């Protein structure tokens, strides 16, 4: 699925992971990391359902996280530990923009 170097970007920085219970990225697990010192990232993965976008940048103590879920897919977003609000979010297909406050 991923080469090891590229896989690290997709799985860690972008947080794009397949759900083993719904193969082929029918359901996507979003578990990005927002490491201190890195102010932006934009990762696109082409799945069988279409492009998955996980893009973020840090502004004024918050992360603006833009997500695109392809048609006929869904996702679950799991915020990393350095985010104040730790609510897990269910996302349907389409474009989403989240403002996440950093700790």
PDB file of N, CA and C in Angstrom:
ATOM      1  N   UNK A   1       0.827  -1.192   0.000  1.00  0.00           N
ATOM      2  CA  UNK A   1       0.000   0.000   0.000  1.00  0.00           C
ATOM      3  C   UNK A   1       0.865   1.246   0.000  1.00  0.00           C
ATOM      4  N   UNK A   2       1.737   1.420   0.961  1.00  0.00           N
ATOM      5  CA  UNK A   2       2.601   2.592   1.047  1.00  0.00           C
ATOM      6  C   UNK A   2       4.058   2.125   1.044  1.00  0.00           C
ATOM      7  N   UNK A   3       4.980   2.917   0.450  1.00  0.00           N
ATOM      8  CA  UNK A   3       6.404   2.703   0.679  1.00  0.00           C
ATOM      9  C   UNK A   3       6.713   3.202   2.083  1.00  0.00           C
ATOM     10  N   UNK A   4       7.765   2.739   2.690  1.00  0.00           N
ATOM     11  CA  UNK A   4       8.011   3.084   4.088  1.00  0.00           C
ATOM     12  C   UNK A   4       8.191   4.577   4.343  1.00  0.00           C
ATOM     13  N   UNK A   5       8.984   5.276   3.530  1.00  0.00           N
ATOM     14  CA  UNK A   5       9.166   6.718   3.748  1.00  0.00           C
ATOM     15  C   UNK A   5       7.859   7.442   3.457  1.00  0.00           C
ATOM     16  N   UNK A   6       7.280   7.199   2.297  1.00  0.00           N
ATOM     17  CA  UNK A   6       6.001   7.825   1.952  1.00  0.00           C
ATOM     18  C   UNK A   6       4.908   7.426   2.916  1.00  0.00           C
ATOM     19  N   UNK A   7       4.958   6.177   3.357  1.00  0.00           N
ATOM     20  CA  UNK A   7       3.958   5.687   4.299  1.00  0.00           C
ATOM     21  C   UNK A   7       3.963   6.457   5.599  1.00  0.00           C
ATOM     22  N   UNK A   8       5.140   6.856   6.055  1.00  0.00           N
ATOM     23  CA  UNK A   8       5.227   7.630   7.287  1.00  0.00           C
ATOM     24  C   UNK A   8       4.471   8.953   7.141  1.00  0.00           C
ATOM     25  N   UNK A   9       4.620   9.621   5.991  1.00  0.00           N
ATOM     26  CA  UNK A   9       3.903  10.876   5.767  1.00  0.00           C
ATOM     27  C   UNK A   9       2.394  10.651   5.744  1.00  0.00           C
ATOM     28  N   UNK A  10       1.941   9.636   5.010  1.00  0.00           N
ATOM     29  CA  UNK A  10       0.512   9.363   4.920  1.00  0.00           C
ATOM     30  C   UNK A  10      -0.068   8.982   6.273  1.00  0.00           C
ATOM     31  N   UNK A  11       0.608   8.064   6.976  1.00  0.00           N
ATOM     32  CA  UNK A  11       0.068   7.513   8.217  1.00  0.00           C
ATOM     33  C   UNK A  11       0.282   8.410   9.432  1.00  0.00           C
ATOM     34  N   UNK A  12       1.374   9.143   9.490  1.00  0.00           N
ATOM     35  CA  UNK A  12       1.676   9.950  10.674  1.00  0.00           C
ATOM     36  C   UNK A  12       1.268  11.402  10.512  1.00  0.00           C
ATOM     37  N   UNK A  13       1.950  12.112   9.640  1.00  0.00           N
ATOM     38  CA  UNK A  13       1.676  13.535   9.457  1.00  0.00           C
ATOM     39  C   UNK A  13       0.265  13.739   8.902  1.00  0.00           C
ATOM     40  N   UNK A  14      -0.089  12.997   7.868  1.00  0.00           N
ATOM     41  CA  UNK A  14      -1.431  13.106   7.294  1.00  0.00           C
ATOM     42  C   UNK A  14      -2.479  12.347   8.080  1.00  0.00           C
ATOM     43  N   UNK A  15      -2.055  11.277   8.748  1.00  0.00           N
ATOM     44  CA  UNK A  15      -2.974  10.491   9.571  1.00  0.00           C
ATOM     45  C   UNK A  15      -3.982   9.688   8.787  1.00  0.00           C
ATOM     46  N   UNK A  16      -3.707   9.381   7.538  1.00  0.00           N
ATOM     47  CA  UNK A  16      -4.650   8.634   6.690  1.00  0.00           C
ATOM     48  C   UNK A  16      -4.379   7.145   6.864  1.00  0.00           C
ATOM     49  N   UNK A  17      -5.363   6.452   7.429  1.00  0.00           N
ATOM     50  CA  UNK A  17      -5.222   5.017   7.690  1.00  0.00           C
ATOM     51  C   UNK A  17      -6.462   4.269   7.217  1.00  0.00           C
ATOM     52  N   UNK A  18      -6.288   3.050   6.682  1.00  0.00           N
ATOM     53  CA  UNK A  18      -7.455   2.247   6.321  1.00  0.00           C
ATOM     54  C   UNK A  18      -8.099   1.654   7.569  1.00  0.00           C
ATOM     55  N   UNK A  19      -9.360   1.383   7.476  1.00  0.00           N
ATOM     56  CA  UNK A  19     -10.096   0.699   8.543  1.00  0.00           C
ATOM     57  C   UNK A  19     -10.158  -0.774   8.156  1.00  0.00           C
ATOM     58  N   UNK A  20      -9.541  -1.634   8.935  1.00  0.00           N
ATOM     59  CA  UNK A  20      -9.482  -3.062   8.592  1.00  0.00           C
ATOM     60  C   UNK A  20     -10.860  -3.712   8.538  1.00  0.00           C
ATOM     61  N   UNK A  21     -11.855  -3.096   9.172  1.00  0.00           N
ATOM     62  CA  UNK A  21     -13.211  -3.649   9.144  1.00  0.00           C
ATOM     63  C   UNK A  21     -13.974  -3.260   7.884  1.00  0.00           C
ATOM     64  N   UNK A  22     -13.454  -2.254   7.155  1.00  0.00           N
ATOM     65  CA  UNK A  22     -14.081  -1.821   5.904  1.00  0.00           C
ATOM     66  C   UNK A  22     -12.963  -1.566   4.885  1.00  0.00           C
ATOM     67  N   UNK A  23     -12.431  -2.631   4.291  1.00  0.00           N
ATOM     68  CA  UNK A  23     -11.243  -2.526   3.444  1.00  0.00           C
ATOM     69  C   UNK A  23     -11.431  -1.612   2.230  1.00  0.00           C
ATOM     70  N   UNK A  24     -10.299  -1.214   1.661  1.00  0.00           N
ATOM     71  CA  UNK A  24     -10.307  -0.417   0.445  1.00  0.00           C
ATOM     72  C   UNK A  24     -10.628   1.047   0.674  1.00  0.00           C
ATOM     73  N   UNK A  25     -10.484   1.523   1.902  1.00  0.00           N
ATOM     74  CA  UNK A  25     -10.771   2.911   2.261  1.00  0.00           C
ATOM     75  C   UNK A  25     -12.247   3.271   2.101  1.00  0.00           C
ATOM     76  N   UNK A  26     -13.125   2.269   2.250  1.00  0.00           N
ATOM     77  CA  UNK A  26     -14.558   2.570   2.328  1.00  0.00           C
ATOM     78  C   UNK A  26     -14.801   3.440   3.564  1.00  0.00           C
ATOM     79  N   UNK A  27     -14.087   3.107   4.636  1.00  0.00           N
ATOM     80  CA  UNK A  27     -14.085   3.935   5.840  1.00  0.00           C
ATOM     81  C   UNK A  27     -12.632   4.275   6.147  1.00  0.00           C
ATOM     82  N   UNK A  28     -12.384   5.526   6.452  1.00  0.00           N
ATOM     83  CA  UNK A  28     -11.028   6.029   6.657  1.00  0.00           C
ATOM     84  C   UNK A  28     -10.858   6.411   8.120  1.00  0.00           C
ATOM     85  N   UNK A  29      -9.720   6.058   8.683  1.00  0.00           N
ATOM     86  CA  UNK A  29      -9.354   6.493  10.023  1.00  0.00           C
ATOM     87  C   UNK A  29      -8.395   7.657   9.862  1.00  0.00           C
ATOM     88  N   UNK A  30      -8.735   8.796  10.445  1.00  0.00           N
ATOM     89  CA  UNK A  30      -7.888   9.984  10.386  1.00  0.00           C
ATOM     90  C   UNK A  30      -7.266  10.203  11.757  1.00  0.00           C
ATOM     91  N   UNK A  31      -5.948   9.979  11.842  1.00  0.00           N
ATOM     92  CA  UNK A  31      -5.214  10.113  13.095  1.00  0.00           C
ATOM     93  C   UNK A  31      -3.934  10.919  12.848  1.00  0.00           C
ATOM     94  N   UNK A  32      -4.083  12.190  12.422  1.00  0.00           N
ATOM     95  CA  UNK A  32      -2.886  12.972  12.128  1.00  0.00           C
ATOM     96  C   UNK A  32      -2.147  13.371  13.396  1.00  0.00           C
ATOM     97  N   UNK A  33      -0.884  13.690  13.213  1.00  0.00           N
ATOM     98  CA  UNK A  33      -0.126  14.295  14.294  1.00  0.00           C
ATOM     99  C   UNK A  33       0.212  15.718  13.870  1.00  0.00           C
ATOM    100  N   UNK A  34       0.287  16.609  14.844  1.00  0.00           N
ATOM    101  CA  UNK A  34       0.635  18.003  14.591  1.00  0.00           C
ATOM    102  C   UNK A  34       1.884  18.316  15.414  1.00  0.00           C
ATOM    103  N   UNK A  35       3.064  17.879  14.948  1.00  0.00           N
ATOM    104  CA  UNK A  35       4.271  18.044  15.762  1.00  0.00           C
ATOM    105  C   UNK A  35       4.711  19.496  15.895  1.00  0.00           C
ATOM    106  N   UNK A  36       5.201  19.820  17.074  1.00  0.00           N
ATOM    107  CA  UNK A  36       5.721  21.160  17.323  1.00  0.00           C
ATOM    108  C   UNK A  36       6.884  21.416  16.373  1.00  0.00           C
ATOM    109  N   UNK A  37       6.908  22.603  15.784  1.00  0.00           N
ATOM    110  CA  UNK A  37       7.963  22.956  14.849  1.00  0.00           C
ATOM    111  C   UNK A  37       7.598  22.736  13.398  1.00  0.00           C
ATOM    112  N   UNK A  38       6.563  21.972  13.147  1.00  0.00           N
ATOM    113  CA  UNK A  38       6.060  21.784  11.783  1.00  0.00           C
ATOM    114  C   UNK A  38       4.752  22.558  11.687  1.00  0.00           C
ATOM    115  N   UNK A  39       4.677  23.521  10.789  1.00  0.00           N
ATOM    116  CA  UNK A  39       3.521  24.419  10.745  1.00  0.00           C
ATOM    117  C   UNK A  39       2.500  24.099   9.672  1.00  0.00           C
ATOM    118  N   UNK A  40       2.806  23.169   8.787  1.00  0.00           N
ATOM    119  CA  UNK A  40       1.806  22.814   7.774  1.00  0.00           C
ATOM    120  C   UNK A  40       2.119  21.476   7.134  1.00  0.00           C
ATOM    121  N   UNK A  41       1.082  20.883   6.578  1.00  0.00           N
ATOM    122  CA  UNK A  41       1.213  19.628   5.845  1.00  0.00           C
ATOM    123  C   UNK A  41       0.017  19.504   4.914  1.00  0.00           C
ATOM    124  N   UNK A  42       0.239  18.886   3.787  1.00  0.00           N
ATOM    125  CA  UNK A  42      -0.859  18.587   2.871  1.00  0.00           C
ATOM    126  C   UNK A  42      -0.572  17.236   2.222  1.00  0.00           C
ATOM    127  N   UNK A  43      -1.416  16.269   2.517  1.00  0.00           N
ATOM    128  CA  UNK A  43      -1.238  14.905   2.037  1.00  0.00           C
ATOM    129  C   UNK A  43      -2.494  14.508   1.273  1.00  0.00           C
ATOM    130  N   UNK A  44      -2.305  13.965   0.078  1.00  0.00           N
ATOM    131  CA  UNK A  44      -3.415  13.423  -0.711  1.00  0.00           C
ATOM    132  C   UNK A  44      -3.102  11.977  -1.041  1.00  0.00           C
ATOM    133  N   UNK A  45      -4.075  11.105  -0.792  1.00  0.00           N
ATOM    134  CA  UNK A  45      -3.941   9.695  -1.142  1.00  0.00           C
ATOM    135  C   UNK A  45      -5.088   9.325  -2.076  1.00  0.00           C
ATOM    136  N   UNK A  46      -4.760   8.685  -3.183  1.00  0.00           N
ATOM    137  CA  UNK A  46      -5.784   8.255  -4.133  1.00  0.00           C
ATOM    138  C   UNK A  46      -6.233   6.846  -3.764  1.00  0.00           C
ATOM    139  N   UNK A  47      -7.450   6.752  -3.250  1.00  0.00           N
ATOM    140  CA  UNK A  47      -8.029   5.472  -2.846  1.00  0.00           C
ATOM    141  C   UNK A  47      -8.913   4.951  -3.986  1.00  0.00           C
ATOM    142  N   UNK A  48      -9.423   3.735  -3.874  1.00  0.00           N
ATOM    143  CA  UNK A  48     -10.342   3.226  -4.896  1.00  0.00           C
ATOM    144  C   UNK A  48     -11.623   4.068  -5.049  1.00  0.00           C
ATOM    145  N   UNK A  49     -11.959   4.860  -4.024  1.00  0.00           N
ATOM    146  CA  UNK A  49     -13.166   5.695  -4.071  1.00  0.00           C
ATOM    147  C   UNK A  49     -12.881   7.120  -4.513  1.00  0.00           C
ATOM    148  N   UNK A  50     -11.607   7.480  -4.591  1.00  0.00           N
ATOM    149  CA  UNK A  50     -11.225   8.840  -4.966  1.00  0.00           C
ATOM    150  C   UNK A  50     -10.179   9.391  -4.020  1.00  0.00           C
ATOM    151  N   UNK A  51      -9.843  10.654  -4.199  1.00  0.00           N
ATOM    152  CA  UNK A  51      -8.781  11.281  -3.402  1.00  0.00           C
ATOM    153  C   UNK A  51      -9.223  11.560  -1.966  1.00  0.00           C
ATOM    154  N   UNK A  52      -8.321  11.248  -1.043  1.00  0.00           N
ATOM    155  CA  UNK A  52      -8.477  11.576   0.371  1.00  0.00           C
ATOM    156  C   UNK A  52      -7.477  12.685   0.650  1.00  0.00           C
ATOM    157  N   UNK A  53      -7.952  13.805   1.163  1.00  0.00           N
ATOM    158  CA  UNK A  53      -7.084  14.940   1.476  1.00  0.00           C
ATOM    159  C   UNK A  53      -7.041  15.160   2.981  1.00  0.00           C
ATOM    160  N   UNK A  54      -5.829  15.304   3.497  1.00  0.00           N
ATOM    161  CA  UNK A  54      -5.601  15.653   4.898  1.00  0.00           C
ATOM    162  C   UNK A  54      -4.586  16.779   4.887  1.00  0.00           C
ATOM    163  N   UNK A  55      -5.069  18.003   5.111  1.00  0.00           N
ATOM    164  CA  UNK A  55      -4.213  19.182   5.002  1.00  0.00           C
ATOM    165  C   UNK A  55      -4.417  20.048   6.234  1.00  0.00           C
ATOM    166  N   UNK A  56      -3.318  20.542   6.803  1.00  0.00           N
ATOM    167  CA  UNK A  56      -3.447  21.371   7.995  1.00  0.00           C
ATOM    168  C   UNK A  56      -2.344  22.414   8.047  1.00  0.00           C
ATOM    169  N   UNK A  57      -2.637  23.493   8.773  1.00  0.00           N
ATOM    170  CA  UNK A  57      -1.617  24.488   9.077  1.00  0.00           C
ATOM    171  C   UNK A  57      -1.931  25.122  10.424  1.00  0.00           C
ATOM    172  N   UNK A  58      -0.870  25.574  11.066  1.00  0.00           N
ATOM    173  CA  UNK A  58      -0.963  26.153  12.407  1.00  0.00           C
ATOM    174  C   UNK A  58      -1.051  27.667  12.276  1.00  0.00           C
ATOM    175  N   UNK A  59      -2.075  28.248  12.937  1.00  0.00           N
ATOM    176  CA  UNK A  59      -2.269  29.702  12.963  1.00  0.00           C
ATOM    177  C   UNK A  59      -2.778  30.119  14.331  1.00  0.00           C
ATOM    178  N   UNK A  60      -2.118  31.062  14.952  1.00  0.00           N
ATOM    179  CA  UNK A  60      -2.602  31.674  16.196  1.00  0.00           C
ATOM    180  C   UNK A  60      -3.006  30.650  17.263  1.00  0.00           C
ATOM    181  N   UNK A  61      -2.167  29.652  17.497  1.00  0.00           N
ATOM    182  CA  UNK A  61      -2.429  28.688  18.555  1.00  0.00           C
ATOM    183  C   UNK A  61      -3.471  27.644  18.223  1.00  0.00           C
ATOM    184  N   UNK A  62      -3.809  27.535  16.948  1.00  0.00           N
ATOM    185  CA  UNK A  62      -4.802  26.540  16.522  1.00  0.00           C
ATOM    186  C   UNK A  62      -4.345  25.880  15.227  1.00  0.00           C
ATOM    187  N   UNK A  63      -4.883  24.726  14.989  1.00  0.00           N
ATOM    188  CA  UNK A  63      -4.646  24.014  13.738  1.00  0.00           C
ATOM    189  C   UNK A  63      -5.921  24.129  12.908  1.00  0.00           C
ATOM    190  N   UNK A  64      -5.773  24.588  11.681  1.00  0.00           N
ATOM    191  CA  UNK A  64      -6.881  24.570  10.726  1.00  0.00           C
ATOM    192  C   UNK A  64      -6.689  23.293   9.917  1.00  0.00           C
ATOM    193  N   UNK A  65      -7.610  22.362  10.079  1.00  0.00           N
ATOM    194  CA  UNK A  65      -7.487  21.026   9.489  1.00  0.00           C
ATOM    195  C   UNK A  65      -8.556  20.866   8.413  1.00  0.00           C
ATOM    196  N   UNK A  66      -8.106  20.768   7.163  1.00  0.00           N
ATOM    197  CA  UNK A  66      -9.009  20.581   6.028  1.00  0.00           C
ATOM    198  C   UNK A  66      -8.947  19.130   5.581  1.00  0.00           C
ATOM    199  N   UNK A  67     -10.126  18.573   5.397  1.00  0.00           N
ATOM    200  CA  UNK A  67     -10.258  17.152   5.085  1.00  0.00           C
ATOM    201  C   UNK A  67     -11.188  17.022   3.887  1.00  0.00           C
ATOM    202  N   UNK A  68     -10.866  16.096   3.006  1.00  0.00           N
ATOM    203  CA  UNK A  68     -11.785  15.758   1.925  1.00  0.00           C
ATOM    204  C   UNK A  68     -11.931  14.240   1.892  1.00  0.00           C
ATOM    205  N   UNK A  69     -13.172  13.792   2.028  1.00  0.00           N
ATOM    206  CA  UNK A  69     -13.514  12.376   2.025  1.00  0.00           C
ATOM    207  C   UNK A  69     -14.195  12.081   0.689  1.00  0.00           C
ATOM    208  N   UNK A  70     -13.726  11.061  -0.050  1.00  0.00           N
ATOM    209  CA  UNK A  70     -14.315  10.793  -1.368  1.00  0.00           C
ATOM    210  C   UNK A  70     -15.752  10.276  -1.285  1.00  0.00           C
ATOM    211  N   UNK A  71     -16.484  10.372  -2.403  1.00  0.00           N
ATOM    212  CA  UNK A  71     -17.866   9.867  -2.441  1.00  0.00           C
ATOM    213  C   UNK A  71     -17.928   8.393  -2.024  1.00  0.00           C
ATOM    214  N   UNK A  72     -19.025   8.032  -1.412  1.00  0.00           N
ATOM    215  CA  UNK A  72     -19.287   6.657  -0.976  1.00  0.00           C
ATOM    216  C   UNK A  72     -18.307   6.175   0.095  1.00  0.00           C
ATOM    217  N   UNK A  73     -17.669   7.107   0.782  1.00  0.00           N
ATOM    218  CA  UNK A  73     -16.768   6.776   1.887  1.00  0.00           C
ATOM    219  C   UNK A  73     -17.182   7.576   3.115  1.00  0.00           C
ATOM    220  N   UNK A  74     -16.622   7.214   4.233  1.00  0.00           N
ATOM    221  CA  UNK A  74     -16.814   7.966   5.475  1.00  0.00           C
ATOM    222  C   UNK A  74     -15.497   7.916   6.242  1.00  0.00           C
ATOM    223  N   UNK A  75     -15.421   8.672   7.323  1.00  0.00           N
ATOM    224  CA  UNK A  75     -14.184   8.709   8.104  1.00  0.00           C
ATOM    225  C   UNK A  75     -14.496   8.943   9.569  1.00  0.00           C
ATOM    226  N   UNK A  76     -13.535   8.587  10.398  1.00  0.00           N
ATOM    227  CA  UNK A  76     -13.566   8.914  11.813  1.00  0.00           C
ATOM    228  C   UNK A  76     -12.269   9.645  12.129  1.00  0.00           C
ATOM    229  N   UNK A  77     -12.400  10.843  12.724  1.00  0.00           N
ATOM    230  CA  UNK A  77     -11.252  11.658  13.098  1.00  0.00           C
ATOM    231  C   UNK A  77     -10.969  11.468  14.575  1.00  0.00           C
ATOM    232  N   UNK A  78      -9.724  11.111  14.870  1.00  0.00           N
ATOM    233  CA  UNK A  78      -9.244  10.951  16.239  1.00  0.00           C
ATOM    234  C   UNK A  78      -8.213  12.044  16.507  1.00  0.00           C
ATOM    235  N   UNK A  79      -8.531  13.033  17.343  1.00  0.00           N
ATOM    236  CA  UNK A  79      -7.582  14.126  17.590  1.00  0.00           C
ATOM    237  C   UNK A  79      -6.348  13.643  18.352  1.00  0.00           C
ATOM    238  N   UNK A  80      -5.183  14.230  18.034  1.00  0.00           N
ATOM    239  CA  UNK A  80      -3.970  13.866  18.772  1.00  0.00           C
ATOM    240  C   UNK A  80      -3.967  14.475  20.174  1.00  0.00           C
ATOM    241  N   UNK A  81      -3.013  14.070  20.975  1.00  0.00           N
ATOM    242  CA  UNK A  81      -2.942  14.486  22.380  1.00  0.00           C
ATOM    243  C   UNK A  81      -2.693  15.971  22.580  1.00  0.00           C
ATOM    244  N   UNK A  82      -2.126  16.660  21.589  1.00  0.00           N
ATOM    245  CA  UNK A  82      -1.828  18.081  21.777  1.00  0.00           C
ATOM    246  C   UNK A  82      -2.971  19.001  21.350  1.00  0.00           C
ATOM    247  N   UNK A  83      -4.179  18.455  21.251  1.00  0.00           N
ATOM    248  CA  UNK A  83      -5.385  19.222  20.915  1.00  0.00           C
ATOM    249  C   UNK A  83      -6.273  19.284  22.154  1.00  0.00           C
ATOM    250  N   UNK A  84      -6.860  20.447  22.424  1.00  0.00           N
ATOM    251  CA  UNK A  84      -7.715  20.627  23.620  1.00  0.00           C
ATOM    252  C   UNK A  84      -8.981  19.780  23.571  1.00  0.00           C
ATOM    253  N   UNK A  85      -9.730  19.864  22.494  1.00  0.00           N
ATOM    254  CA  UNK A  85     -10.966  19.103  22.385  1.00  0.00           C
ATOM    255  C   UNK A  85     -10.632  17.704  21.877  1.00  0.00           C
ATOM    256  N   UNK A  86     -10.939  16.707  22.650  1.00  0.00           N
ATOM    257  CA  UNK A  86     -10.566  15.342  22.292  1.00  0.00           C
ATOM    258  C   UNK A  86     -11.741  14.516  21.774  1.00  0.00           C
ATOM    259  N   UNK A  87     -12.798  15.183  21.335  1.00  0.00           N
ATOM    260  CA  UNK A  87     -13.955  14.456  20.817  1.00  0.00           C
ATOM    261  C   UNK A  87     -13.617  13.772  19.492  1.00  0.00           C
ATOM    262  N   UNK A  88     -13.970  12.505  19.397  1.00  0.00           N
ATOM    263  CA  UNK A  88     -13.842  11.764  18.149  1.00  0.00           C
ATOM    264  C   UNK A  88     -15.009  12.201  17.257  1.00  0.00           C
ATOM    265  N   UNK A  89     -14.722  12.467  15.983  1.00  0.00           N
ATOM    266  CA  UNK A  89     -15.745  12.955  15.057  1.00  0.00           C
ATOM    267  C   UNK A  89     -15.979  11.968  13.924  1.00  0.00           C
ATOM    268  N   UNK A  90     -17.243  11.722  13.627  1.00  0.00           N
ATOM    269  CA  UNK A  90     -17.633  10.921  12.463  1.00  0.00           C
ATOM    270  C   UNK A  90     -17.866  11.888  11.308  1.00  0.00           C
ATOM    271  N   UNK A  91     -17.272  11.605  10.147  1.00  0.00           N
ATOM    272  CA  UNK A  91     -17.370  12.490   8.989  1.00  0.00           C
ATOM    273  C   UNK A  91     -17.896  11.729   7.784  1.00  0.00           C
ATOM    274  N   UNK A  92     -18.822  12.346   7.084  1.00  0.00           N
ATOM    275  CA  UNK A  92     -19.354  11.781   5.854  1.00  0.00           C
ATOM    276  C   UNK A  92     -18.519  12.270   4.669  1.00  0.00           C
ATOM    277  N   UNK A  93     -18.802  11.746   3.491  1.00  0.00           N
ATOM    278  CA  UNK A  93     -18.113  12.165   2.268  1.00  0.00           C
ATOM    279  C   UNK A  93     -18.289  13.671   2.071  1.00  0.00           C
ATOM    280  N   UNK A  94     -17.248  14.313   1.552  1.00  0.00           N
ATOM    281  CA  UNK A  94     -17.303  15.741   1.281  1.00  0.00           C
ATOM    282  C   UNK A  94     -16.127  16.459   1.893  1.00  0.00           C
ATOM    283  N   UNK A  95     -16.187  17.788   1.850  1.00  0.00           N
ATOM    284  CA  UNK A  95     -15.118  18.643   2.385  1.00  0.00           C
ATOM    285  C   UNK A  95     -15.483  19.115   3.788  1.00  0.00           C
ATOM    286  N   UNK A  96     -14.490  19.087   4.663  1.00  0.00           N
ATOM    287  CA  UNK A  96     -14.671  19.504   6.058  1.00  0.00           C
ATOM    288  C   UNK A  96     -13.494  20.380   6.470  1.00  0.00           C
ATOM    289  N   UNK A  97     -13.762  21.375   7.298  1.00  0.00           N
ATOM    290  CA  UNK A  97     -12.699  22.217   7.843  1.00  0.00           C
ATOM    291  C   UNK A  97     -12.911  22.312   9.346  1.00  0.00           C
ATOM    292  N   UNK A  98     -11.895  21.954  10.113  1.00  0.00           N
ATOM    293  CA  UNK A  98     -11.977  21.969  11.564  1.00  0.00           C
ATOM    294  C   UNK A  98     -10.962  22.947  12.130  1.00  0.00           C
ATOM    295  N   UNK A  99     -11.367  23.671  13.153  1.00  0.00           N
ATOM    296  CA  UNK A  99     -10.427  24.530  13.895  1.00  0.00           C
ATOM    297  C   UNK A  99     -10.173  23.819  15.215  1.00  0.00           C
ATOM    298  N   UNK A 100      -8.924  23.433  15.432  1.00  0.00           N
ATOM    299  CA  UNK A 100      -8.538  22.654  16.594  1.00  0.00           C
ATOM    300  C   UNK A 100      -7.551  23.453  17.431  1.00  0.00           C
ATOM    301  N   UNK A 101      -7.907  23.743  18.683  1.00  0.00           N
ATOM    302  CA  UNK A 101      -7.042  24.509  19.565  1.00  0.00           C
ATOM    303  C   UNK A 101      -5.926  23.642  20.122  1.00  0.00           C
ATOM    304  N   UNK A 102      -4.703  24.148  19.993  1.00  0.00           N
ATOM    305  CA  UNK A 102      -3.543  23.450  20.536  1.00  0.00           C
ATOM    306  C   UNK A 102      -3.455  23.648  22.054  1.00  0.00           C
ATOM    307  N   UNK A 103      -2.916  22.659  22.743  1.00  0.00           N
ATOM    308  CA  UNK A 103      -2.687  22.762  24.199  1.00  0.00           C
ATOM    309  C   UNK A 103      -1.481  23.612  24.443  1.00  0.00           C
TER     310      UNK A 103
END
